[in-house]
């Protein structure tokens, strides 16, 4: 009998891979740590290999397979193009599937959170992936907010767009202002990717719309019409929409989706494990999706530290609220 942890693993694989990379890159702020030589810029990030895949063929999932109740996955979106998944983790989203409650819980961790990164002092949270890959980011989230991801998936702009298209796109609700921004950022993606911008088919309606990969990425990057808080809300909307879309596919379609695309991402989940468990994704159809954001409202302070505009979290409040949200 297949253990429930494996069931949840397969569900997460098919749902989240296409929705994880929506980091905002152009105009990003410089990351500065307390160490004078630890400066990260758009053009010259310090070299790091963020591929922390374990030699164990089950990676971080070994213990999860023994636990029947829930599974959590850290989604990491980096601000890069092409085949290399590197750069700042400007999107950091924890997704937890809970078998007992039949819920999917989606939590955004904002990139400007000012936290202590092991071995690096205190700086913005999105520096952790640059310095030490998924392992350091997961350690930081565990130390600061008391959450542990059972596995991770990291993608960049290019991979996200391709995978979203292969999923068939997503359905979301947008405003007129968001429609304009989607068309702008989608053309930016085309241009930065060496594509002909005249080939882009712009959105000309708003309300309930269907987005292709480039448009879903663009939607996830919008912040200048409101704030970074709303940007993370849009990202959670895309994740939820991708989950809904994935549960509409049949087992054969999902198996093909994973088999063709797992090699494009950074993850500690293997193809063999995902394919073995994929047919049981349909058990998640109709699950309720709930979303949350860290820092929570009234649980942080906006500060300028060492020239950085940051969000200083009240760690106790955020830990308590996050524990309550996740049902832990």
Protein backbone atom coordinates (compact mmCIF):
# COMPACT_ATOMS: atom_id res chain seq x y z
CA UNK A 1 0.00 0.00 0.00
CA UNK A 2 1.43 3.39 -0.97
CA UNK A 3 2.00 5.63 2.00
CA UNK A 4 0.14 8.93 2.11
CA UNK A 5 3.36 10.96 2.22
CA UNK A 6 4.13 9.62 -1.25
CA UNK A 7 0.65 10.49 -2.42
CA UNK A 8 1.07 14.06 -1.35
CA UNK A 9 4.54 14.23 -2.89
CA UNK A 10 3.20 13.31 -6.30
CA UNK A 11 0.39 15.81 -6.02
CA UNK A 12 2.74 18.61 -5.16
CA UNK A 13 5.13 17.74 -8.00
CA UNK A 14 2.54 18.17 -10.69
CA UNK A 15 0.92 21.23 -9.18
CA UNK A 16 3.75 23.44 -8.11
CA UNK A 17 6.57 22.99 -10.62
CA UNK A 18 4.83 25.19 -13.18
CA UNK A 19 4.04 27.96 -10.68
CA UNK A 20 7.16 28.61 -8.66
CA UNK A 21 9.23 31.25 -10.45
CA UNK A 22 7.79 34.72 -10.41
CA UNK A 23 10.64 36.69 -8.84
CA UNK A 24 10.78 40.35 -9.79
CA UNK A 25 14.21 41.26 -11.17
CA UNK A 26 14.45 44.55 -13.04
CA UNK A 27 15.20 47.37 -10.66
CA UNK A 28 15.84 45.03 -7.75
CA UNK A 29 17.61 46.53 -4.78
CA UNK A 30 21.19 45.68 -3.87
CA UNK A 31 21.54 43.12 -1.07
CA UNK A 32 23.99 44.18 1.62
CA UNK A 33 25.02 42.15 4.64
CA UNK A 34 26.83 43.33 7.72
CA UNK A 35 30.12 42.04 6.31
CA UNK A 36 31.78 44.68 4.08
CA UNK A 37 32.65 42.16 1.37
CA UNK A 38 29.20 40.59 1.23
CA UNK A 39 27.48 42.67 -1.44
CA UNK A 40 25.18 41.14 -4.03
CA UNK A 41 24.27 43.10 -7.14
CA UNK A 42 22.20 42.41 -10.23
CA UNK A 43 25.30 42.04 -12.40
CA UNK A 44 27.73 40.28 -10.12
CA UNK A 45 26.21 37.75 -7.69
CA UNK A 46 28.73 35.71 -5.72
CA UNK A 47 29.26 32.25 -7.18
CA UNK A 48 27.20 29.53 -5.57
CA UNK A 49 25.78 26.20 -6.57
CA UNK A 50 22.20 26.13 -5.28
CA UNK A 51 21.74 22.47 -6.20
CA UNK A 52 21.67 20.93 -2.72
CA UNK A 53 20.38 17.55 -3.86
CA UNK A 54 21.14 14.74 -1.44
CA UNK A 55 22.98 11.57 -2.48
CA UNK A 56 20.03 9.71 -1.00
CA UNK A 57 17.72 8.94 -3.96
CA UNK A 58 14.76 10.03 -1.87
CA UNK A 59 16.50 13.21 -0.78
CA UNK A 60 14.68 15.08 1.96
CA UNK A 61 11.58 12.94 1.50
CA UNK A 62 12.82 9.85 3.33
CA UNK A 63 11.33 10.82 6.68
CA UNK A 64 8.21 12.28 5.11
CA UNK A 65 7.30 8.90 3.63
CA UNK A 66 6.94 7.62 7.18
CA UNK A 67 4.53 10.40 8.11
CA UNK A 68 1.02 9.94 6.74
CA UNK A 69 -0.60 13.24 7.50
CA UNK A 70 1.00 16.12 5.62
CA UNK A 71 3.71 17.26 3.25
CA UNK A 72 5.30 20.67 2.74
CA UNK A 73 7.26 21.99 -0.22
CA UNK A 74 9.36 25.15 -0.47
CA UNK A 75 8.92 26.87 -3.84
CA UNK A 76 11.88 29.02 -4.84
CA UNK A 77 11.66 31.46 -7.75
CA UNK A 78 14.91 33.07 -8.92
CA UNK A 79 15.38 36.21 -10.98
CA UNK A 80 17.26 34.70 -13.93
CA UNK A 81 16.67 33.66 -17.53
CA UNK A 82 17.85 30.67 -19.54
CA UNK A 83 18.72 27.20 -18.27
CA UNK A 84 20.72 28.24 -15.19
CA UNK A 85 18.67 28.52 -12.01
CA UNK A 86 20.61 31.01 -9.93
CA UNK A 87 20.35 34.49 -8.43
CA UNK A 88 18.18 35.92 -5.70
CA UNK A 89 15.24 33.92 -4.42
CA UNK A 90 12.77 36.75 -4.78
CA UNK A 91 9.88 34.31 -4.48
CA UNK A 92 9.81 32.01 -1.45
CA UNK A 93 6.55 30.18 -0.91
CA UNK A 94 5.83 27.29 1.42
CA UNK A 95 2.99 24.98 0.35
CA UNK A 96 1.60 22.46 2.77
CA UNK A 97 -0.88 19.73 1.88
CA UNK A 98 -2.82 18.32 4.79
CA UNK A 99 -4.54 15.01 4.19
CA UNK A 100 -6.69 15.12 7.33
CA UNK A 101 -8.14 18.56 6.62
CA UNK A 102 -8.18 18.30 2.83
CA UNK A 103 -6.51 21.69 2.57
CA UNK A 104 -3.65 23.26 0.65
CA UNK A 105 -1.99 26.07 2.61
CA UNK A 106 0.18 28.58 0.77
CA UNK A 107 2.51 30.96 2.65
CA UNK A 108 4.62 33.72 1.08
CA UNK A 109 7.83 34.87 2.79
CA UNK A 110 8.59 38.38 1.63
CA UNK A 111 12.04 38.95 0.19
CA UNK A 112 12.77 42.08 2.27
CA UNK A 113 12.40 40.32 5.60
CA UNK A 114 15.39 41.26 7.75
CA UNK A 115 16.58 38.04 9.32
CA UNK A 116 19.67 36.32 10.66
CA UNK A 117 21.18 34.03 8.02
CA UNK A 118 23.49 31.39 9.52
CA UNK A 119 27.10 32.34 8.89
CA UNK A 120 26.15 35.56 7.08
CA UNK A 121 24.83 37.92 9.72
CA UNK A 122 21.55 39.74 9.31
CA UNK A 123 20.27 40.82 5.90
CA UNK A 124 17.36 40.35 3.53
CA UNK A 125 15.90 36.87 3.36
CA UNK A 126 16.38 36.61 -0.40
CA UNK A 127 20.15 36.62 0.09
CA UNK A 128 20.09 33.17 1.70
CA UNK A 129 19.63 31.28 -1.58
CA UNK A 130 22.45 33.23 -3.21
CA UNK A 131 24.85 32.43 -0.39
CA UNK A 132 23.98 28.81 0.27
CA UNK A 133 21.24 27.53 -2.00
CA UNK A 134 18.06 25.83 -0.85
CA UNK A 135 19.81 24.30 2.17
CA UNK A 136 20.69 27.68 3.69
CA UNK A 137 17.30 29.17 2.85
CA UNK A 138 15.51 26.26 4.51
CA UNK A 139 17.77 26.49 7.55
CA UNK A 140 17.05 30.22 7.82
CA UNK A 141 13.29 29.74 7.59
CA UNK A 142 13.46 27.02 10.21
CA UNK A 143 15.56 29.10 12.60
CA UNK A 144 13.59 32.30 12.20
CA UNK A 145 10.00 31.14 11.73
CA UNK A 146 9.94 27.57 12.98
CA UNK A 147 8.90 25.98 9.69
CA UNK A 148 10.60 23.04 8.01
CA UNK A 149 10.10 22.22 4.34
CA UNK A 150 10.14 18.54 3.49
CA UNK A 151 11.48 19.23 -0.01
CA UNK A 152 12.16 22.10 -2.40
CA UNK A 153 11.73 23.05 -6.03
CA UNK A 154 13.57 26.00 -7.60
CA UNK A 155 12.89 27.49 -11.03
CA UNK A 156 13.70 30.72 -12.88
CA UNK A 157 11.74 32.96 -15.26
CA UNK A 158 12.34 30.88 -18.38
CA UNK A 159 11.53 27.55 -16.78
CA UNK A 160 8.42 28.93 -15.13
CA UNK A 161 7.03 30.28 -18.41
CA UNK A 162 7.67 27.03 -20.27
CA UNK A 163 6.15 24.87 -17.55
CA UNK A 164 3.09 27.07 -17.16
CA UNK A 165 2.49 26.79 -20.90
CA UNK A 166 2.82 23.01 -20.71
CA UNK A 167 0.31 22.98 -17.87
CA UNK A 168 -2.10 24.87 -20.11
CA UNK A 169 -1.98 28.24 -18.36
CA UNK A 170 -4.04 29.41 -15.40
CA UNK A 171 -7.27 31.25 -14.73
CA UNK A 172 -7.15 34.30 -12.47
CA UNK A 173 -9.11 37.49 -11.85
CA UNK A 174 -7.39 40.76 -12.78
CA UNK A 175 -8.09 44.47 -12.81
CA UNK A 176 -7.72 46.83 -15.75
CA UNK A 177 -4.50 48.21 -14.27
CA UNK A 178 -3.15 44.67 -13.88
CA UNK A 179 -4.03 43.92 -17.51
CA UNK A 180 -1.86 46.82 -18.64
CA UNK A 181 0.99 45.71 -16.40
CA UNK A 182 0.75 42.11 -17.61
CA UNK A 183 1.16 43.25 -21.19
CA UNK A 184 4.15 45.41 -20.23
CA UNK A 185 6.01 42.75 -18.25
CA UNK A 186 5.21 40.00 -20.77
CA UNK A 187 6.91 42.09 -23.46
CA UNK A 188 9.86 42.60 -21.12
CA UNK A 189 10.11 38.83 -20.83
CA UNK A 190 9.99 38.41 -24.61
CA UNK A 191 12.68 41.03 -25.11
CA UNK A 192 15.00 39.73 -22.36
CA UNK A 193 14.57 36.18 -23.72
CA UNK A 194 15.49 37.17 -27.27
CA UNK A 195 11.96 36.64 -28.56
CA UNK A 196 10.15 38.84 -31.06
CA UNK A 197 7.89 41.13 -29.03
CA UNK A 198 5.59 41.55 -32.03
CA UNK A 199 4.70 37.87 -31.64
CA UNK A 200 3.16 38.53 -28.22
CA UNK A 201 -0.63 38.42 -28.17
CA UNK A 202 -1.66 41.02 -25.57
CA UNK A 203 -4.57 40.74 -23.18
CA UNK A 204 -7.40 43.06 -24.09
CA UNK A 205 -9.88 42.12 -21.37
CA UNK A 206 -9.88 42.05 -17.60
CA UNK A 207 -11.94 40.37 -14.91
CA UNK A 208 -11.79 36.57 -15.16
CA UNK A 209 -9.06 35.79 -17.67
CA UNK A 210 -6.85 32.93 -18.83
CA UNK A 211 -3.10 33.58 -18.72
CA UNK A 212 -0.39 31.81 -20.68
CA UNK A 213 3.08 31.28 -19.24
CA UNK A 214 4.54 34.70 -20.05
CA UNK A 215 1.39 36.42 -18.80
CA UNK A 216 1.33 34.40 -15.57
CA UNK A 217 4.95 35.38 -14.93
CA UNK A 218 4.13 39.00 -15.72
CA UNK A 219 1.13 38.97 -13.37
CA UNK A 220 3.35 37.59 -10.62
CA UNK A 221 5.87 40.41 -11.05
CA UNK A 222 3.49 43.37 -10.75
CA UNK A 223 4.15 45.66 -7.81
CA UNK A 224 4.56 49.25 -9.05
CA UNK A 225 0.81 49.89 -9.18
CA UNK A 226 0.47 49.01 -5.50
CA UNK A 227 3.12 47.25 -3.41
CA UNK A 228 5.29 44.20 -2.86
CA UNK A 229 2.60 42.92 -0.49
CA UNK A 230 0.17 42.72 -3.40
CA UNK A 231 2.86 41.18 -5.58
CA UNK A 232 3.13 38.24 -3.18
CA UNK A 233 -0.66 37.97 -3.15
CA UNK A 234 -0.61 37.66 -6.93
CA UNK A 235 2.00 34.94 -6.67
CA UNK A 236 -0.18 33.00 -4.27
CA UNK A 237 -3.09 33.41 -6.70
CA UNK A 238 -1.01 31.83 -9.44
CA UNK A 239 0.04 28.92 -7.22
CA UNK A 240 -3.57 28.27 -6.25
CA UNK A 241 -4.70 28.49 -9.87
CA UNK A 242 -1.95 26.08 -10.95
CA UNK A 243 -3.04 23.60 -8.29
CA UNK A 244 -6.61 23.81 -9.54
CA UNK A 245 -5.50 23.37 -13.14
CA UNK A 246 -3.32 20.35 -12.32
CA UNK A 247 -6.17 18.52 -10.59
CA UNK A 248 -8.18 18.81 -13.83
CA UNK A 249 -5.65 16.71 -15.73
CA UNK A 250 -5.79 12.93 -15.87
CA UNK A 251 -3.05 10.63 -14.62
CA UNK A 252 -1.47 10.15 -18.06
CA UNK A 253 -1.32 13.89 -18.70
CA UNK A 254 0.21 14.55 -15.31
CA UNK A 255 2.77 11.78 -15.68
CA UNK A 256 3.86 13.20 -19.03
CA UNK A 257 4.05 16.70 -17.59
CA UNK A 258 6.37 15.61 -14.79
CA UNK A 259 8.48 13.25 -16.92
CA UNK A 260 9.16 15.91 -19.54
CA UNK A 261 9.94 18.70 -17.11
CA UNK A 262 11.46 17.47 -13.87
CA UNK A 263 14.95 17.76 -15.36
CA UNK A 264 14.47 21.49 -15.88
CA UNK A 265 14.14 22.34 -12.19
CA UNK A 266 16.35 22.16 -9.11
CA UNK A 267 14.77 19.79 -6.61
CA UNK A 268 15.45 16.99 -4.17
CA UNK A 269 12.45 15.01 -5.45
CA UNK A 270 13.36 12.31 -7.98
CA UNK A 271 11.55 11.45 -11.19
CA UNK A 272 11.06 7.84 -10.09
CA UNK A 273 9.35 8.86 -6.87
CA UNK A 274 7.14 11.40 -8.62
CA UNK A 275 6.02 9.03 -11.35
CA UNK A 276 5.32 6.20 -8.92
CA UNK A 277 2.94 8.41 -6.99
CA UNK A 278 1.50 10.68 -9.64
CA UNK A 279 -1.79 8.83 -10.35
CA UNK A 280 -3.01 9.61 -6.83
CA UNK A 281 -2.94 13.36 -7.47
CA UNK A 282 -6.64 13.18 -8.29
CA UNK A 283 -7.33 12.53 -4.62
CA UNK A 284 -6.55 16.20 -4.05
CA UNK A 285 -9.23 17.44 -6.44
CA UNK A 286 -11.57 19.88 -4.72
CA UNK A 287 -9.30 20.56 -1.75
CA UNK A 288 -9.70 23.96 -0.13
CA UNK A 289 -6.83 26.42 -0.69
CA UNK A 290 -5.90 28.95 2.00
CA UNK A 291 -3.16 31.59 1.78
CA UNK A 292 -1.06 33.62 4.23
CA UNK A 293 1.86 36.05 4.24
CA UNK A 294 4.93 36.49 6.41
CA UNK A 295 5.37 39.02 7.88
CA UNK A 296 1.77 39.03 9.01
CA UNK A 297 -0.13 42.28 9.45
CA UNK A 298 0.82 44.17 12.60
CA UNK A 299 3.70 41.78 13.19
CA UNK A 300 6.62 43.71 11.70
CA UNK A 301 8.20 47.16 11.45
CA UNK A 302 9.53 48.92 8.35
CA UNK A 303 13.10 50.07 8.93
CA UNK A 304 16.17 51.30 7.10
CA UNK A 305 19.24 49.35 8.20
CA UNK A 306 22.68 49.82 6.63
CA UNK A 307 21.01 51.67 3.79
CA UNK A 308 18.50 48.88 3.16
CA UNK A 309 14.73 49.29 3.34
CA UNK A 310 13.73 46.15 5.22
CA UNK A 311 10.88 44.53 7.13
CA UNK A 312 11.87 43.63 10.67
CA UNK A 313 9.55 40.84 11.84
CA UNK A 314 8.30 40.28 15.35
CA UNK A 315 9.51 36.71 15.35
CA UNK A 316 7.32 35.46 18.18
CA UNK A 317 4.12 36.89 16.69
CA UNK A 318 4.91 35.58 13.23
CA UNK A 319 5.86 32.13 14.50
CA UNK A 320 2.64 31.88 16.51
CA UNK A 321 0.44 33.10 13.65
CA UNK A 322 2.17 30.82 11.17
CA UNK A 323 1.84 27.80 13.46
CA UNK A 324 -1.87 28.51 13.88
CA UNK A 325 -2.36 28.92 10.12
CA UNK A 326 -0.56 25.69 9.30
CA UNK A 327 -2.37 23.82 12.04
CA UNK A 328 0.79 22.81 13.86
